[in-house]
């Protein structure tokens, strides 16, 4: 718009739409057309940014400025062509450089609350709203852009990058599951949460060492899902997770990595990766809520840490079966070889073990060993394609105890094609 002032946005067209999923006829084999989805265009981001003499001010619906660290906990969805999730919110952020580091303060409005409709005193949209979800965050980081880091790597110069972020979130009210927003469906929640994340990376010659650790602590004063009933039982959580990597660049064409990660677990049945149902999980279930207020004594702790779903280490187990890394530790050696200017081959082996055996279907900790192999084709003019094959050998954690049967191997073939401009 002018010097130092810009408006930026991001649109998603036909996002996550399967081919052939919207035929214009229900008659099998009788449709040759595809109808448009209800929301063909999704405006994901729209914000303004201004360069001030003492920093950068950004306001609007904003993605994360970038991934903090390796994207395991905070991820902007800009790290890969096949990413389906990302951290986007209504935020006001200010960043300033000081002492060779970037200092950022952020205020986020996650929810404006419940609108009960118009009254003589309050037109629609202006009625006082009792439910508010807010967050404040502060971070300090020293971070080199990818191009700058690559130049330093080529020159074999030692580089140290790091980042620390802390956030505090509060929520007054919530909605009963399935109810329309109204004052009657409001549930007094009184949630408070603290999040801390620290990341460090050192490039030394051909080697790089990188580590990240995150902690989440929260308290919910009322965990009821019924607006007419208040449970004066506090539900709390103490969750942690971390990743450690070691890289070796033999040459511009050959790369090796050894990675290990862990996510804290909870002793309730199921992994708690996507606990959407309200019914309590039973032994043998793959997923379910990680607390239980009906049993005696009550289980009032939710301690399983969940990695960001955009952070993927495999093709089958964590990405497709469970949904994200949680309640487990893993080890992942990986190798990448650039065969030519357009072809690259990548292979990895992932061994996974549950932190809490009670979370697995069988009550045993070993989960599986997976081997993934991928080939990448990339043109300088904008076409990119990747074909991956995965083979999962499940271990005793997935054994069906009542039926006395062992799990069978799983296969997956995954193709991504991208036309970039």
Protein backbone atom coordinates (compact mmCIF):
# COMPACT_ATOMS: atom_id res chain seq x y z
CA UNK A 1 0.00 0.00 0.00
CA UNK A 2 2.88 2.32 0.81
CA UNK A 3 6.39 2.24 2.13
CA UNK A 4 6.45 -0.18 5.06
CA UNK A 5 2.64 -0.72 5.03
CA UNK A 6 1.03 -3.84 3.58
CA UNK A 7 -2.14 -5.92 3.69
CA UNK A 8 -1.59 -9.64 3.31
CA UNK A 9 -3.92 -12.58 2.95
CA UNK A 10 -4.16 -16.24 2.12
CA UNK A 11 -6.94 -18.12 0.33
CA UNK A 12 -7.53 -21.86 0.16
CA UNK A 13 -9.47 -23.09 -2.88
CA UNK A 14 -11.10 -26.57 -2.85
CA UNK A 15 -9.03 -27.40 0.22
CA UNK A 16 -9.07 -31.06 1.37
CA UNK A 17 -11.58 -32.00 -1.34
CA UNK A 18 -11.31 -35.60 -2.55
CA UNK A 19 -11.53 -36.24 -6.27
CA UNK A 20 -14.96 -37.54 -7.19
CA UNK A 21 -16.45 -36.71 -3.79
CA UNK A 22 -19.23 -34.39 -5.04
CA UNK A 23 -21.02 -36.05 -8.00
CA UNK A 24 -24.11 -34.17 -9.17
CA UNK A 25 -26.18 -37.37 -9.14
CA UNK A 26 -26.67 -40.18 -6.64
CA UNK A 27 -26.99 -42.75 -9.44
CA UNK A 28 -23.79 -44.81 -9.46
CA UNK A 29 -22.00 -44.49 -12.77
CA UNK A 30 -24.51 -41.96 -14.11
CA UNK A 31 -22.69 -38.77 -13.17
CA UNK A 32 -20.11 -37.02 -15.30
CA UNK A 33 -20.08 -33.70 -13.42
CA UNK A 34 -18.84 -32.60 -10.04
CA UNK A 35 -20.75 -29.93 -8.15
CA UNK A 36 -18.99 -27.21 -6.23
CA UNK A 37 -18.52 -27.49 -2.45
CA UNK A 38 -20.47 -25.30 -0.04
CA UNK A 39 -17.33 -23.30 0.72
CA UNK A 40 -15.05 -23.43 -2.34
CA UNK A 41 -12.94 -20.48 -1.15
CA UNK A 42 -11.69 -20.27 2.43
CA UNK A 43 -10.14 -17.00 3.56
CA UNK A 44 -7.64 -18.27 6.10
CA UNK A 45 -5.54 -15.19 6.72
CA UNK A 46 -6.02 -11.43 6.32
CA UNK A 47 -3.93 -8.96 8.26
CA UNK A 48 -2.17 -5.66 8.09
CA UNK A 49 1.50 -5.07 8.76
CA UNK A 50 3.38 -1.83 9.25
CA UNK A 51 7.11 -1.24 9.62
CA UNK A 52 7.73 1.28 12.40
CA UNK A 53 11.04 2.93 13.33
CA UNK A 54 11.27 0.65 16.37
CA UNK A 55 9.70 -2.61 15.14
CA UNK A 56 6.92 -4.32 13.17
CA UNK A 57 3.23 -4.14 14.17
CA UNK A 58 0.85 -6.79 12.82
CA UNK A 59 -2.90 -7.11 13.42
CA UNK A 60 -5.65 -9.30 12.00
CA UNK A 61 -6.20 -12.99 11.33
CA UNK A 62 -2.58 -14.06 11.38
CA UNK A 63 -0.64 -17.25 11.05
CA UNK A 64 2.34 -17.87 13.23
CA UNK A 65 5.17 -15.71 11.93
CA UNK A 66 7.04 -18.96 11.39
CA UNK A 67 7.55 -22.31 13.01
CA UNK A 68 9.25 -22.07 16.36
CA UNK A 69 12.02 -24.64 16.29
CA UNK A 70 11.18 -27.73 14.28
CA UNK A 71 7.39 -27.27 14.20
CA UNK A 72 6.67 -30.03 16.69
CA UNK A 73 4.58 -27.77 18.93
CA UNK A 74 4.05 -24.44 17.11
CA UNK A 75 3.49 -24.75 13.37
CA UNK A 76 2.27 -22.19 10.84
CA UNK A 77 1.35 -24.72 8.10
CA UNK A 78 3.90 -23.15 5.77
CA UNK A 79 6.53 -25.83 6.19
CA UNK A 80 5.25 -28.34 3.64
CA UNK A 81 3.05 -28.75 0.57
CA UNK A 82 1.06 -31.54 2.26
CA UNK A 83 0.24 -29.76 5.54
CA UNK A 84 -3.45 -29.70 6.52
CA UNK A 85 -3.24 -27.96 9.89
CA UNK A 86 -1.79 -24.70 11.13
CA UNK A 87 -1.86 -22.13 13.90
CA UNK A 88 -4.01 -19.20 12.74
CA UNK A 89 -5.72 -16.75 15.06
CA UNK A 90 -7.03 -13.22 15.57
CA UNK A 91 -3.96 -11.51 16.97
CA UNK A 92 -2.13 -8.27 17.54
CA UNK A 93 1.64 -8.74 17.61
CA UNK A 94 4.62 -6.45 17.91
CA UNK A 95 8.20 -7.54 17.15
CA UNK A 96 11.34 -5.51 17.68
CA UNK A 97 15.06 -6.34 17.24
CA UNK A 98 17.20 -5.82 20.31
CA UNK A 99 20.68 -7.09 21.20
CA UNK A 100 20.79 -9.28 18.09
CA UNK A 101 17.52 -11.05 18.95
CA UNK A 102 13.85 -10.71 18.02
CA UNK A 103 11.50 -9.83 20.89
CA UNK A 104 7.77 -10.37 20.35
CA UNK A 105 4.66 -9.58 22.39
CA UNK A 106 1.31 -10.96 21.26
CA UNK A 107 -2.32 -10.64 22.31
CA UNK A 108 -4.80 -13.17 20.93
CA UNK A 109 -8.61 -13.18 20.93
CA UNK A 110 -9.55 -16.83 20.54
CA UNK A 111 -13.24 -16.35 21.26
CA UNK A 112 -15.36 -13.19 21.64
CA UNK A 113 -18.00 -15.01 23.61
CA UNK A 114 -21.71 -15.77 23.38
CA UNK A 115 -24.10 -13.39 21.64
CA UNK A 116 -27.63 -13.75 23.02
CA UNK A 117 -29.18 -11.59 20.28
CA UNK A 118 -30.54 -8.07 20.06
CA UNK A 119 -32.21 -6.11 22.85
CA UNK A 120 -33.53 -2.53 22.91
CA UNK A 121 -30.27 -1.43 24.51
CA UNK A 122 -27.92 -3.63 22.48
CA UNK A 123 -28.25 -4.10 18.67
CA UNK A 124 -27.17 -7.44 17.15
CA UNK A 125 -23.49 -8.10 17.65
CA UNK A 126 -23.13 -5.47 20.37
CA UNK A 127 -24.69 -7.25 23.32
CA UNK A 128 -22.25 -7.86 26.20
CA UNK A 129 -20.71 -11.29 25.87
CA UNK A 130 -19.86 -13.22 29.04
CA UNK A 131 -17.62 -15.85 27.43
CA UNK A 132 -14.14 -14.73 26.51
CA UNK A 133 -11.05 -16.69 25.56
CA UNK A 134 -7.87 -14.66 25.57
CA UNK A 135 -4.13 -15.30 25.48
CA UNK A 136 -0.98 -13.26 25.90
CA UNK A 137 2.42 -14.49 24.78
CA UNK A 138 6.01 -13.30 24.82
CA UNK A 139 8.97 -14.71 22.95
CA UNK A 140 12.63 -14.03 22.30
CA UNK A 141 14.55 -15.70 19.49
CA UNK A 142 17.69 -15.64 17.47
CA UNK A 143 16.83 -17.14 14.10
CA UNK A 144 18.51 -17.17 10.70
CA UNK A 145 16.35 -17.29 7.58
CA UNK A 146 16.79 -20.54 5.58
CA UNK A 147 18.80 -18.82 2.82
CA UNK A 148 21.10 -17.14 5.34
CA UNK A 149 21.58 -20.38 7.24
CA UNK A 150 22.41 -22.25 4.03
CA UNK A 151 25.14 -19.76 3.19
CA UNK A 152 26.68 -20.25 6.62
CA UNK A 153 26.43 -24.03 6.28
CA UNK A 154 28.19 -23.88 2.91
CA UNK A 155 30.96 -21.81 4.51
CA UNK A 156 31.18 -24.29 7.46
CA UNK A 157 30.59 -21.48 9.93
CA UNK A 158 29.35 -22.24 13.43
CA UNK A 159 25.84 -20.91 14.01
CA UNK A 160 23.63 -21.01 17.10
CA UNK A 161 19.91 -20.31 16.91
CA UNK A 162 17.42 -20.47 19.77
CA UNK A 163 13.95 -19.42 20.83
CA UNK A 164 11.88 -19.27 24.00
CA UNK A 165 8.14 -18.57 24.16
CA UNK A 166 5.74 -18.36 27.07
CA UNK A 167 1.96 -17.94 26.85
CA UNK A 168 -0.89 -17.61 29.33
CA UNK A 169 -4.49 -18.36 28.29
CA UNK A 170 -7.81 -17.88 30.07
CA UNK A 171 -11.39 -18.91 29.26
CA UNK A 172 -14.46 -17.90 31.26
CA UNK A 173 -17.29 -19.84 29.61
CA UNK A 174 -17.83 -22.70 27.20
CA UNK A 175 -20.73 -24.21 25.23
CA UNK A 176 -22.55 -27.47 25.91
CA UNK A 177 -21.78 -30.03 23.16
CA UNK A 178 -24.25 -29.66 20.28
CA UNK A 179 -26.05 -26.60 21.68
CA UNK A 180 -26.51 -23.35 19.81
CA UNK A 181 -24.69 -20.32 21.24
CA UNK A 182 -26.86 -18.68 23.90
CA UNK A 183 -26.66 -17.60 27.51
CA UNK A 184 -28.67 -20.68 28.54
CA UNK A 185 -26.17 -23.07 26.94
CA UNK A 186 -23.18 -21.32 28.52
CA UNK A 187 -21.11 -23.34 30.98
CA UNK A 188 -18.91 -21.60 33.50
CA UNK A 189 -15.49 -23.09 32.70
CA UNK A 190 -12.81 -20.93 34.40
CA UNK A 191 -9.85 -22.33 32.52
CA UNK A 192 -6.31 -21.06 32.88
CA UNK A 193 -3.29 -22.48 31.10
CA UNK A 194 0.42 -21.81 30.77
CA UNK A 195 2.51 -22.94 27.82
CA UNK A 196 6.30 -22.82 27.60
CA UNK A 197 8.48 -23.86 24.67
CA UNK A 198 12.27 -23.71 24.33
CA UNK A 199 14.33 -24.54 21.24
CA UNK A 200 18.07 -24.64 20.50
CA UNK A 201 20.04 -25.50 17.36
CA UNK A 202 23.80 -25.48 16.77
CA UNK A 203 25.45 -25.91 13.34
CA UNK A 204 29.09 -26.95 13.64
CA UNK A 205 30.82 -27.81 10.39
CA UNK A 206 29.09 -30.80 8.81
CA UNK A 207 27.09 -31.51 11.99
CA UNK A 208 23.97 -30.00 13.51
CA UNK A 209 22.39 -30.69 16.89
CA UNK A 210 18.85 -29.51 17.62
CA UNK A 211 16.58 -29.88 20.61
CA UNK A 212 13.17 -28.63 21.67
CA UNK A 213 11.15 -29.05 24.86
CA UNK A 214 7.61 -27.87 25.64
CA UNK A 215 5.47 -27.86 28.78
CA UNK A 216 1.72 -27.32 29.17
CA UNK A 217 0.06 -26.80 32.52
CA UNK A 218 -3.64 -26.03 32.90
CA UNK A 219 -6.51 -25.98 35.33
CA UNK A 220 -10.29 -26.25 34.63
CA UNK A 221 -12.49 -25.30 37.58
CA UNK A 222 -15.70 -26.78 36.14
CA UNK A 223 -15.48 -29.76 33.75
CA UNK A 224 -19.26 -30.23 33.43
CA UNK A 225 -20.82 -30.56 29.96
CA UNK A 226 -24.32 -29.71 31.29
CA UNK A 227 -25.14 -25.99 31.76
CA UNK A 228 -27.52 -26.83 34.62
CA UNK A 229 -24.93 -28.80 36.60
CA UNK A 230 -21.72 -27.45 38.09
CA UNK A 231 -18.95 -29.85 39.07
CA UNK A 232 -16.81 -28.23 41.68
CA UNK A 233 -13.96 -30.58 40.85
CA UNK A 234 -10.84 -29.10 39.33
CA UNK A 235 -9.37 -30.91 36.30
CA UNK A 236 -5.66 -30.29 35.81
CA UNK A 237 -2.93 -31.26 33.39
CA UNK A 238 0.86 -31.39 33.41
CA UNK A 239 2.06 -32.28 29.93
CA UNK A 240 5.51 -32.26 28.37
CA UNK A 241 7.19 -33.29 25.15
CA UNK A 242 10.54 -33.01 23.47
CA UNK A 243 12.60 -33.81 20.37
CA UNK A 244 16.35 -34.24 19.92
CA UNK A 245 18.05 -34.40 16.51
CA UNK A 246 21.57 -34.96 15.22
CA UNK A 247 22.32 -34.25 11.53
CA UNK A 248 25.34 -35.05 9.37
CA UNK A 249 25.81 -33.51 5.93
CA UNK A 250 28.30 -35.70 4.13
CA UNK A 251 27.96 -33.63 0.94
CA UNK A 252 25.37 -31.40 -0.74
CA UNK A 253 23.77 -34.63 -2.02
CA UNK A 254 23.87 -36.94 1.01
CA UNK A 255 22.29 -36.27 4.39
CA UNK A 256 21.81 -38.38 7.55
CA UNK A 257 19.65 -37.70 10.60
CA UNK A 258 19.02 -39.45 13.90
CA UNK A 259 15.97 -38.24 15.79
CA UNK A 260 14.37 -39.21 19.09
CA UNK A 261 11.21 -37.78 20.61
CA UNK A 262 8.80 -38.29 23.48
CA UNK A 263 5.38 -37.09 24.54
CA UNK A 264 4.08 -37.57 28.08
CA UNK A 265 1.21 -39.99 28.58
CA UNK A 266 -1.85 -40.58 30.70
CA UNK A 267 -2.78 -43.90 32.28
CA UNK A 268 -6.40 -43.80 31.04
CA UNK A 269 -7.30 -46.23 28.21
CA UNK A 270 -6.78 -44.84 24.74
CA UNK A 271 -4.15 -42.43 23.49
CA UNK A 272 -6.23 -39.26 23.76
CA UNK A 273 -5.03 -37.98 20.38
CA UNK A 274 -8.51 -36.99 19.14
CA UNK A 275 -10.91 -37.53 22.08
CA UNK A 276 -14.12 -36.29 20.45
CA UNK A 277 -16.57 -38.65 22.13
CA UNK A 278 -17.96 -37.93 25.60
CA UNK A 279 -18.25 -41.60 26.62
CA UNK A 280 -15.40 -42.90 28.69
CA UNK A 281 -12.85 -45.10 26.98
CA UNK A 282 -12.65 -48.74 27.97
CA UNK A 283 -9.59 -51.01 28.07
CA UNK A 284 -8.83 -51.99 24.49
CA UNK A 285 -10.00 -48.70 22.96
CA UNK A 286 -7.57 -46.85 20.73
CA UNK A 287 -8.74 -43.36 21.76
CA UNK A 288 -10.93 -41.61 24.30
CA UNK A 289 -11.05 -38.93 27.01
CA UNK A 290 -8.14 -38.99 29.42
CA UNK A 291 -10.14 -38.12 32.55
CA UNK A 292 -13.10 -39.71 34.33
CA UNK A 293 -15.22 -37.87 36.88
CA UNK A 294 -17.76 -40.71 37.28
CA UNK A 295 -15.51 -43.34 38.78
CA UNK A 296 -14.30 -43.49 42.38
CA UNK A 297 -11.74 -42.19 42.97
CA UNK A 298 -12.12 -39.59 40.24
CA UNK A 299 -9.46 -39.22 37.58
CA UNK A 300 -8.96 -35.45 37.34
CA UNK A 301 -5.64 -35.33 35.43
CA UNK A 302 -5.05 -35.07 31.67
CA UNK A 303 -1.34 -35.60 31.19
CA UNK A 304 -0.88 -36.75 27.60
CA UNK A 305 1.05 -34.25 25.47
CA UNK A 306 0.12 -34.06 21.77
CA UNK A 307 2.55 -33.08 19.03
CA UNK A 308 1.32 -30.68 16.37
CA UNK A 309 -0.44 -32.79 13.68
CA UNK A 310 1.68 -31.12 10.99
CA UNK A 311 4.79 -32.64 12.55
CA UNK A 312 5.04 -36.03 10.87
CA UNK A 313 7.63 -38.71 11.41
CA UNK A 314 5.95 -41.54 9.51
CA UNK A 315 3.27 -42.41 6.97
CA UNK A 316 0.98 -44.85 8.79
CA UNK A 317 1.08 -45.25 12.59
CA UNK A 318 1.09 -41.69 13.89
CA UNK A 319 -0.22 -39.91 10.81
CA UNK A 320 -3.16 -42.18 9.96
CA UNK A 321 -3.94 -44.63 12.76
CA UNK A 322 -3.50 -42.53 15.91
CA UNK A 323 -3.51 -39.03 14.41
CA UNK A 324 -0.54 -37.39 16.08
CA UNK A 325 2.33 -38.33 18.36
CA UNK A 326 1.17 -38.63 21.95
CA UNK A 327 1.81 -40.86 24.96
CA UNK A 328 4.92 -42.43 23.40
CA UNK A 329 8.61 -42.21 22.63
CA UNK A 330 10.20 -42.99 19.30
CA UNK A 331 13.54 -43.27 17.51
CA UNK A 332 13.87 -42.39 13.82
CA UNK A 333 17.04 -42.73 11.70
CA UNK A 334 16.68 -41.16 8.25
CA UNK A 335 18.81 -40.81 5.10
CA UNK A 336 18.36 -38.57 2.06
CA UNK A 337 20.26 -38.87 -1.24
CA UNK A 338 19.94 -36.38 -4.07
CA UNK A 339 20.46 -38.57 -7.12
CA UNK A 340 20.37 -35.74 -9.66
CA UNK A 341 19.21 -32.17 -9.98
CA UNK A 342 15.58 -33.34 -10.17
CA UNK A 343 15.41 -36.65 -8.24
CA UNK A 344 15.86 -37.26 -4.51
CA UNK A 345 15.38 -40.49 -2.55
CA UNK A 346 14.58 -40.54 1.16
CA UNK A 347 14.18 -43.42 3.58
CA UNK A 348 13.43 -43.73 7.31
CA UNK A 349 12.77 -46.35 9.98
CA UNK A 350 10.63 -45.46 13.01
CA UNK A 351 10.38 -47.53 16.20
CA UNK A 352 7.62 -46.45 18.61
CA UNK A 353 6.87 -47.43 22.22
CA UNK A 354 4.01 -46.22 24.45
CA UNK A 355 4.83 -44.22 27.57
CA UNK A 356 1.80 -45.67 29.40
CA UNK A 357 1.01 -49.32 28.51
CA UNK A 358 -2.59 -48.82 29.68
CA UNK A 359 -3.15 -46.57 26.67
CA UNK A 360 -2.63 -49.33 24.11
CA UNK A 361 -5.34 -51.82 23.03
CA UNK A 362 -3.45 -54.72 24.61
CA UNK A 363 -1.94 -53.01 27.65
CA UNK A 364 1.58 -53.61 26.33
CA UNK A 365 4.04 -50.84 25.49
CA UNK A 366 5.68 -51.81 22.13
CA UNK A 367 3.70 -50.23 19.29
CA UNK A 368 5.46 -50.94 16.03
CA UNK A 369 8.33 -50.51 13.61
CA UNK A 370 7.67 -48.69 10.35
CA UNK A 371 9.81 -48.33 7.23
CA UNK A 372 9.07 -45.49 4.82
CA UNK A 373 10.61 -44.88 1.40
CA UNK A 374 9.98 -41.83 -0.75
CA UNK A 375 11.12 -40.45 -4.09
CA UNK A 376 10.88 -36.74 -4.92
CA UNK A 377 10.79 -35.16 -8.38
CA UNK A 378 11.25 -31.40 -8.64
CA UNK A 379 11.44 -29.10 -11.64
CA UNK A 380 12.88 -25.63 -11.44
CA UNK A 381 9.85 -24.30 -13.33
CA UNK A 382 7.38 -25.06 -10.55
CA UNK A 383 6.28 -28.72 -10.66
CA UNK A 384 6.91 -30.91 -7.62
CA UNK A 385 5.86 -34.51 -6.93
CA UNK A 386 6.53 -37.01 -4.16
CA UNK A 387 5.62 -40.70 -3.95
CA UNK A 388 5.91 -42.48 -0.58
CA UNK A 389 5.47 -46.09 0.41
CA UNK A 390 5.13 -47.16 4.03
CA UNK A 391 5.20 -50.57 5.72
CA UNK A 392 4.14 -50.85 9.37
CA UNK A 393 4.94 -53.95 11.41
CA UNK A 394 2.71 -53.62 14.51
CA UNK A 395 3.97 -55.07 17.77
CA UNK A 396 2.32 -56.40 20.92
CA UNK A 397 0.69 -53.06 21.82
CA UNK A 398 -1.91 -53.66 19.09
CA UNK A 399 -2.60 -57.28 19.94
CA UNK A 400 -6.28 -58.24 20.32
CA UNK A 401 -6.28 -59.91 23.73
CA UNK A 402 -9.96 -61.09 23.84
CA UNK A 403 -9.71 -62.64 20.37
CA UNK A 404 -6.13 -63.86 20.96
CA UNK A 405 -5.03 -62.55 17.56
CA UNK A 406 -1.97 -60.64 16.48
CA UNK A 407 -2.12 -57.48 14.34
CA UNK A 408 -1.21 -57.73 10.68
CA UNK A 409 1.22 -55.51 8.74
CA UNK A 410 -0.16 -52.34 7.19
CA UNK A 411 0.79 -50.70 3.91
CA UNK A 412 0.26 -47.20 2.54
CA UNK A 413 1.02 -45.46 -0.76
CA UNK A 414 0.92 -41.67 -0.76
CA UNK A 415 1.27 -39.38 -3.79
CA UNK A 416 1.47 -35.58 -3.72
CA UNK A 417 1.71 -33.38 -6.80
CA UNK A 418 2.13 -29.62 -6.59
CA UNK A 419 2.10 -26.88 -9.17
CA UNK A 420 3.90 -23.92 -7.64
CA UNK A 421 4.21 -20.37 -8.85
